[in-house]
Protein backbone atom coordinates (compact mmCIF):
# COMPACT_ATOMS: atom_id res chain seq x y z
CA UNK A 1 -65.83 28.45 4.36
CA UNK A 2 -62.37 26.89 3.40
CA UNK A 3 -58.92 28.45 4.83
CA UNK A 4 -56.55 30.14 2.61
CA UNK A 5 -53.83 27.56 0.47
CA UNK A 6 -50.31 27.74 -1.04
CA UNK A 7 -48.90 24.99 -3.71
CA UNK A 8 -51.60 23.01 -2.40
CA UNK A 9 -50.91 23.55 1.45
CA UNK A 10 -53.13 24.78 4.10
CA UNK A 11 -52.17 27.92 5.21
CA UNK A 12 -54.15 29.53 8.91
CA UNK A 13 -58.13 29.37 9.91
CA UNK A 14 -59.40 32.42 10.65
CA UNK A 15 -61.93 32.17 13.60
CA UNK A 16 -64.71 33.31 11.08
CA UNK A 17 -63.65 30.23 9.00
CA UNK A 18 -63.70 28.27 11.70
CA UNK A 19 -67.12 29.38 12.93
CA UNK A 20 -68.61 29.17 9.31
CA UNK A 21 -67.84 25.38 9.17
CA UNK A 22 -68.58 24.23 12.31
CA UNK A 23 -71.98 25.20 12.03
CA UNK A 24 -72.18 23.66 8.43
CA UNK A 25 -71.16 20.83 10.50
CA UNK A 26 -73.39 20.93 13.05
CA UNK A 27 -76.26 21.28 10.35
CA UNK A 28 -75.08 17.81 8.75
CA UNK A 29 -75.09 15.59 12.25
CA UNK A 30 -76.38 13.32 12.46
CA UNK A 31 -78.03 13.81 15.86
CA UNK A 32 -79.06 11.80 18.85
CA UNK A 33 -77.59 10.40 22.27
CA UNK A 34 -75.39 8.42 20.32
CA UNK A 35 -74.02 10.53 17.30
CA UNK A 36 -72.77 9.35 14.31
CA UNK A 37 -72.58 5.78 15.68
CA UNK A 38 -76.06 5.66 14.43
CA UNK A 39 -74.95 5.40 11.33
CA UNK A 40 -73.91 1.90 11.71
CA UNK A 41 -76.95 -0.01 10.67
CA UNK A 42 -77.32 -4.21 11.34
CA UNK A 43 -76.86 -4.72 7.67
CA UNK A 44 -73.48 -2.66 8.08
CA UNK A 45 -72.30 -4.82 10.66
CA UNK A 46 -73.07 -8.04 8.72
CA UNK A 47 -71.25 -6.13 5.51
CA UNK A 48 -68.91 -5.74 7.71
CA UNK A 49 -68.10 -9.40 8.72
CA UNK A 50 -67.86 -10.43 5.12
CA UNK A 51 -64.58 -8.50 5.16
CA UNK A 52 -63.01 -11.47 7.31
CA UNK A 53 -61.30 -13.73 4.50
CA UNK A 54 -58.11 -14.51 6.75
CA UNK A 55 -59.32 -14.87 9.92
CA UNK A 56 -56.30 -12.48 11.40
CA UNK A 57 -56.77 -10.51 14.29
CA UNK A 58 -54.46 -7.72 14.13
CA UNK A 59 -54.41 -4.72 17.06
CA UNK A 60 -54.70 -1.38 16.79
CA UNK A 61 -53.65 0.03 20.14
CA UNK A 62 -49.94 1.06 21.68
CA UNK A 63 -48.66 -0.80 24.71
CA UNK A 64 -49.85 0.89 27.72
CA UNK A 65 -46.58 2.76 29.28
CA UNK A 66 -45.74 3.25 32.41
CA UNK A 67 -42.24 4.58 32.21
CA UNK A 68 -42.16 8.74 31.99
CA UNK A 69 -41.48 10.54 28.76
CA UNK A 70 -41.88 13.98 27.23
CA UNK A 71 -44.96 12.95 25.81
CA UNK A 72 -46.32 11.06 28.93
CA UNK A 73 -45.41 12.74 32.26
CA UNK A 74 -47.96 11.32 33.97
CA UNK A 75 -47.70 7.05 32.55
CA UNK A 76 -50.13 4.98 34.09
CA UNK A 77 -49.78 3.10 37.38
CA UNK A 78 -49.42 -0.30 37.12
CA UNK A 79 -49.04 -1.94 40.76
CA UNK A 80 -48.36 -5.54 41.50
CA UNK A 81 -50.47 -6.23 44.43
CA UNK A 82 -50.34 -10.23 45.41
CA UNK A 83 -48.92 -12.31 46.01
CA UNK A 84 -47.33 -11.17 49.10
CA UNK A 85 -43.39 -11.08 48.60
CA UNK A 86 -42.08 -13.09 51.60
CA UNK A 87 -44.95 -15.73 50.71
CA UNK A 88 -43.88 -19.40 49.52
CA UNK A 89 -45.17 -20.26 46.12
CA UNK A 90 -43.86 -23.62 45.56
CA UNK A 91 -46.64 -25.21 47.15
CA UNK A 92 -50.55 -24.90 47.25
CA UNK A 93 -52.65 -21.82 45.78
CA UNK A 94 -51.32 -18.29 44.86
CA UNK A 95 -53.14 -15.73 43.00
CA UNK A 96 -50.90 -12.23 40.74
CA UNK A 97 -52.63 -9.41 41.28
CA UNK A 98 -52.85 -6.20 40.43
CA UNK A 99 -53.89 -2.22 40.19
CA UNK A 100 -54.09 0.16 37.36
CA UNK A 101 -54.16 3.51 37.11
CA UNK A 102 -53.83 6.20 34.08
CA UNK A 103 -54.64 8.85 32.67
CA UNK A 104 -56.97 8.84 29.97
CA UNK A 105 -56.96 11.70 27.54
CA UNK A 106 -52.48 11.74 27.82
CA UNK A 107 -50.37 12.03 24.82
CA UNK A 108 -49.32 8.37 24.69
CA UNK A 109 -51.76 5.63 25.21
CA UNK A 110 -54.39 4.35 22.54
CA UNK A 111 -57.84 5.75 24.09
CA UNK A 112 -61.91 6.26 22.76
CA UNK A 113 -62.94 9.99 23.49
CA UNK A 114 -66.39 10.14 24.48
CA UNK A 115 -69.16 12.47 23.15
CA UNK A 116 -68.96 14.24 26.47
CA UNK A 117 -64.53 15.21 25.89
CA UNK A 118 -65.54 18.00 24.62
CA UNK A 119 -66.91 21.50 25.95
CA UNK A 120 -67.04 24.43 23.26
CA UNK A 121 -69.12 27.51 24.29
CA UNK A 122 -70.22 26.42 27.38
CA UNK A 123 -71.99 23.56 25.86
CA UNK A 124 -71.68 19.51 24.52
CA UNK A 125 -72.83 17.92 21.49
CA UNK A 126 -75.98 18.35 20.56
CA UNK A 127 -76.54 21.75 22.67
CA UNK A 128 -76.29 19.84 25.98
CA UNK A 129 -74.84 22.42 28.63
CA UNK A 130 -71.56 21.58 29.78
CA UNK A 131 -73.18 21.81 33.67
CA UNK A 132 -74.03 17.85 32.58
CA UNK A 133 -70.21 17.12 33.32
CA UNK A 134 -70.24 16.88 37.39
CA UNK A 135 -66.75 16.40 39.41
CA UNK A 136 -68.86 12.69 39.84
CA UNK A 137 -69.05 12.51 36.39
CA UNK A 138 -70.88 12.82 33.03
CA UNK A 139 -74.50 12.67 33.65
CA UNK A 140 -74.85 11.87 29.68
CA UNK A 141 -73.09 11.65 26.45
CA UNK A 142 -70.30 9.31 28.47
CA UNK A 143 -68.74 6.44 27.42
CA UNK A 144 -71.34 4.16 27.96
CA UNK A 145 -72.94 5.30 25.14
CA UNK A 146 -70.71 2.64 23.78
CA UNK A 147 -71.40 0.11 26.24
CA UNK A 148 -72.24 -2.34 23.38
CA UNK A 149 -69.17 -2.05 21.90
CA UNK A 150 -68.47 -0.30 17.75
CA UNK A 151 -68.51 -2.44 15.47
CA UNK A 152 -68.16 -2.16 11.77
CA UNK A 153 -65.95 -2.11 9.17
CA UNK A 154 -62.50 -0.35 9.46
CA UNK A 155 -61.05 1.73 6.71
CA UNK A 156 -57.01 2.66 6.84
CA UNK A 157 -55.64 5.24 4.87
CA UNK A 158 -52.16 5.87 5.15
CA UNK A 159 -50.96 9.19 4.35
CA UNK A 160 -47.16 8.59 4.79
CA UNK A 161 -47.50 5.73 1.93
CA UNK A 162 -49.24 8.77 -0.22
CA UNK A 163 -46.38 10.67 -0.12
CA UNK A 164 -43.54 8.32 0.28
CA UNK A 165 -42.22 8.51 3.36
CA UNK A 166 -42.04 7.23 6.54
CA UNK A 167 -43.86 9.43 8.36
CA UNK A 168 -45.03 12.88 8.42
CA UNK A 169 -43.17 15.34 10.48
CA UNK A 170 -45.20 17.20 13.94
CA UNK A 171 -47.31 20.31 12.68
CA UNK A 172 -47.81 19.42 9.13
CA UNK A 173 -51.39 18.93 8.05
CA UNK A 174 -53.51 15.71 5.96
CA UNK A 175 -56.03 17.68 4.38
CA UNK A 176 -59.30 16.30 2.48
CA UNK A 177 -57.42 16.01 -1.01
CA UNK A 178 -54.82 13.76 0.76
CA UNK A 179 -58.25 11.28 1.82
CA UNK A 180 -59.12 11.49 -1.55
CA UNK A 181 -56.06 10.92 -3.20
CA UNK A 182 -55.14 7.94 -0.89
CA UNK A 183 -58.51 6.20 -1.28
CA UNK A 184 -57.75 6.30 -4.74
CA UNK A 185 -53.71 4.93 -4.13
CA UNK A 186 -55.42 2.11 -2.39
CA UNK A 187 -58.00 1.45 -4.34
CA UNK A 188 -60.38 1.83 -1.55
CA UNK A 189 -63.26 3.97 -0.23
CA UNK A 190 -64.72 5.07 3.00
CA UNK A 191 -68.58 5.28 3.51
CA UNK A 192 -71.59 5.01 5.41
CA UNK A 193 -71.50 3.64 8.82
CA UNK A 194 -67.41 3.15 8.44
CA UNK A 195 -64.73 3.50 10.69
CA UNK A 196 -62.04 5.24 9.41
CA UNK A 197 -58.69 5.58 10.68
CA UNK A 198 -55.90 7.84 9.26
CA UNK A 199 -52.57 6.85 9.61
CA UNK A 200 -49.77 9.54 10.03
CA UNK A 201 -46.46 7.44 10.97
CA UNK A 202 -46.70 9.05 14.53
CA UNK A 203 -46.33 5.64 16.17
CA UNK A 204 -43.13 4.70 14.00
CA UNK A 205 -41.40 8.45 14.10
CA UNK A 206 -41.61 8.03 17.97
CA UNK A 207 -40.17 4.28 18.12
CA UNK A 208 -37.38 5.51 15.68
CA UNK A 209 -36.50 8.53 16.82
CA UNK A 210 -37.77 8.51 21.03
CA UNK A 211 -40.85 10.25 22.37
CA UNK A 212 -40.87 14.45 22.31
CA UNK A 213 -43.66 16.54 23.37
CA UNK A 214 -46.24 15.99 21.41
CA UNK A 215 -48.64 17.99 23.07
CA UNK A 216 -47.17 20.66 21.73
CA UNK A 217 -45.73 19.52 18.44
CA UNK A 218 -47.76 16.77 16.86
CA UNK A 219 -48.91 16.10 12.99
CA UNK A 220 -53.30 15.84 12.40
CA UNK A 221 -56.11 16.69 9.88
CA UNK A 222 -56.67 19.86 8.58
CA UNK A 223 -60.00 21.35 10.08
CA UNK A 224 -61.66 21.27 6.97
CA UNK A 225 -60.72 17.75 6.14
CA UNK A 226 -63.68 16.98 8.73
CA UNK A 227 -65.28 18.25 5.91
CA UNK A 228 -65.19 14.92 4.06
CA UNK A 229 -65.62 12.86 7.23
CA UNK A 230 -69.59 14.68 7.14
CA UNK A 231 -69.84 14.10 3.81
CA UNK A 232 -68.99 10.39 4.15
CA UNK A 233 -71.20 10.24 6.77
CA UNK A 234 -68.57 7.89 8.63
CA UNK A 235 -69.52 6.84 12.39
CA UNK A 236 -65.94 7.06 14.44
CA UNK A 237 -62.18 8.81 13.31
CA UNK A 238 -59.44 7.11 14.33
CA UNK A 239 -55.53 8.13 14.30
CA UNK A 240 -51.79 7.30 15.67
CA UNK A 241 -51.86 11.02 16.83
CA UNK A 242 -53.86 13.38 18.22
CA UNK A 243 -56.21 13.73 15.29
CA UNK A 244 -55.52 17.73 15.51
CA UNK A 245 -52.51 19.00 14.49
CA UNK A 246 -50.26 20.84 16.67
CA UNK A 247 -49.53 23.70 16.70
CA UNK A 248 -53.33 24.98 15.64
CA UNK A 249 -53.90 26.36 12.43
CA UNK A 250 -57.11 27.84 13.57
CA UNK A 251 -57.08 31.26 15.13
CA UNK A 252 -58.51 31.03 18.81
CA UNK A 253 -59.62 26.95 18.46
CA UNK A 254 -56.56 24.97 20.03
CA UNK A 255 -58.20 21.71 19.12
CA UNK A 256 -60.10 22.24 16.24
CA UNK A 257 -60.50 18.97 14.73
CA UNK A 258 -61.95 17.47 17.90
CA UNK A 259 -64.29 20.74 18.31
CA UNK A 260 -65.07 19.81 14.64
CA UNK A 261 -66.00 16.14 15.01
CA UNK A 262 -66.84 15.33 18.36
CA UNK A 263 -68.62 18.65 18.95
CA UNK A 264 -70.43 19.62 15.98
CA UNK A 265 -70.97 15.74 14.24
CA UNK A 266 -71.12 13.61 17.65
CA UNK A 267 -68.08 11.34 16.27
CA UNK A 268 -66.61 9.33 18.50
CA UNK A 269 -62.45 10.00 18.30
CA UNK A 270 -59.88 7.54 19.05
CA UNK A 271 -56.54 9.05 19.70
CA UNK A 272 -52.79 7.79 19.52
CA UNK A 273 -53.19 4.22 18.38
CA UNK A 274 -50.86 2.43 16.32
CA UNK A 275 -50.86 1.30 12.79
CA UNK A 276 -47.22 0.02 12.80
CA UNK A 277 -48.73 -4.28 12.70
CA UNK A 278 -51.81 -3.81 10.67
CA UNK A 279 -50.35 -1.69 7.17
CA UNK A 280 -47.84 -3.94 6.17
CA UNK A 281 -50.79 -6.74 6.74
CA UNK A 282 -53.01 -4.39 4.58
CA UNK A 283 -49.97 -3.33 2.13
CA UNK A 284 -49.22 -7.25 1.99
CA UNK A 285 -52.73 -8.58 1.50
CA UNK A 286 -53.67 -5.78 -1.07
CA UNK A 287 -56.39 -4.62 0.89
CA UNK A 288 -57.25 -1.76 3.25
CA UNK A 289 -60.58 -2.72 4.28
CA UNK A 290 -61.66 -4.88 7.48
CA UNK A 291 -64.47 -5.53 10.13
CA UNK A 292 -63.28 -3.68 13.43
CA UNK A 293 -64.63 -4.38 17.09
CA UNK A 294 -63.73 -1.48 19.07
CA UNK A 295 -64.96 -2.44 22.68
CA UNK A 296 -64.51 0.32 25.61
CA UNK A 297 -64.37 -0.10 29.40
CA UNK A 298 -67.40 0.08 30.93
CA UNK A 299 -67.22 3.17 33.12
CA UNK A 300 -70.17 4.98 33.61
CA UNK A 301 -70.17 8.40 33.82
CA UNK A 302 -66.76 8.73 32.04
CA UNK A 303 -65.63 10.86 29.29
CA UNK A 304 -62.96 8.33 27.74
CA UNK A 305 -61.98 4.58 27.68
CA UNK A 306 -58.53 3.05 27.48
CA UNK A 307 -59.23 0.71 23.98
CA UNK A 308 -57.44 -1.99 21.94
CA UNK A 309 -59.59 -1.58 18.20
CA UNK A 310 -58.85 -5.13 16.78
CA UNK A 311 -58.75 -5.43 13.31
CA UNK A 312 -60.11 -8.73 11.64
CA UNK A 313 -59.74 -9.55 8.21
């Protein structure tokens, strides 16, 4: 059941409309402990490897920031732990060492959401009870599900390029119609087992206008666009924002895309990536698909991981 539209733009989605869509998507989920990652077969990986023609690698991660900002009030902590300041460096062997800590699910750093990240109506993806996430960590559906990495064909759909603007303004939405139109404009098609990346221009806006309170105002997908992901049977969704629009358009649900994608479909999400390095390369080469390699940290029982996805063209 779709939200009402006016002049082609989506309006609010009632809770009943959301619930109907949620139930529909649960029926469409792949199932299993790895969720939609099971759509990536060895054949898909071999086909993705054939996307490599230039031998060029491009990061899709943003730099980790250590200074507070409106969208990052608790930034990562990076401290040099050695060598001691008073140690003589001129002679002998010394090691430079450091310590790092971060809030994985913030609104600035690039990260992967595990399938245990979203609790909805007392359950996790697949109907597992929320009690499987304990103060000691998640006993099921943790980031360890992706311990062997996520490797497949990446597809980048550039929505600001489609609309002829540098970025989407906070509060704007990407619809299924936008995704279809971007495919047509870029001569590419997302399919089963693909890693789909959707650019809204969040990082470019942040770089040019400065950080803002993205927790309360950002561009993202409209919840009904998740039907597109289910129909195409993609394996992963990544965005340069949070993937969810803020403020929400869904009555009673603040992060409807997270609920529909992670909890209903079993899709791992990548939030706050950056495509400002990759998009110009895709534009120049006239191709928007590539081999993609994602290697989350092995953090037993973690709900997510910092990540540096690499596009290989």
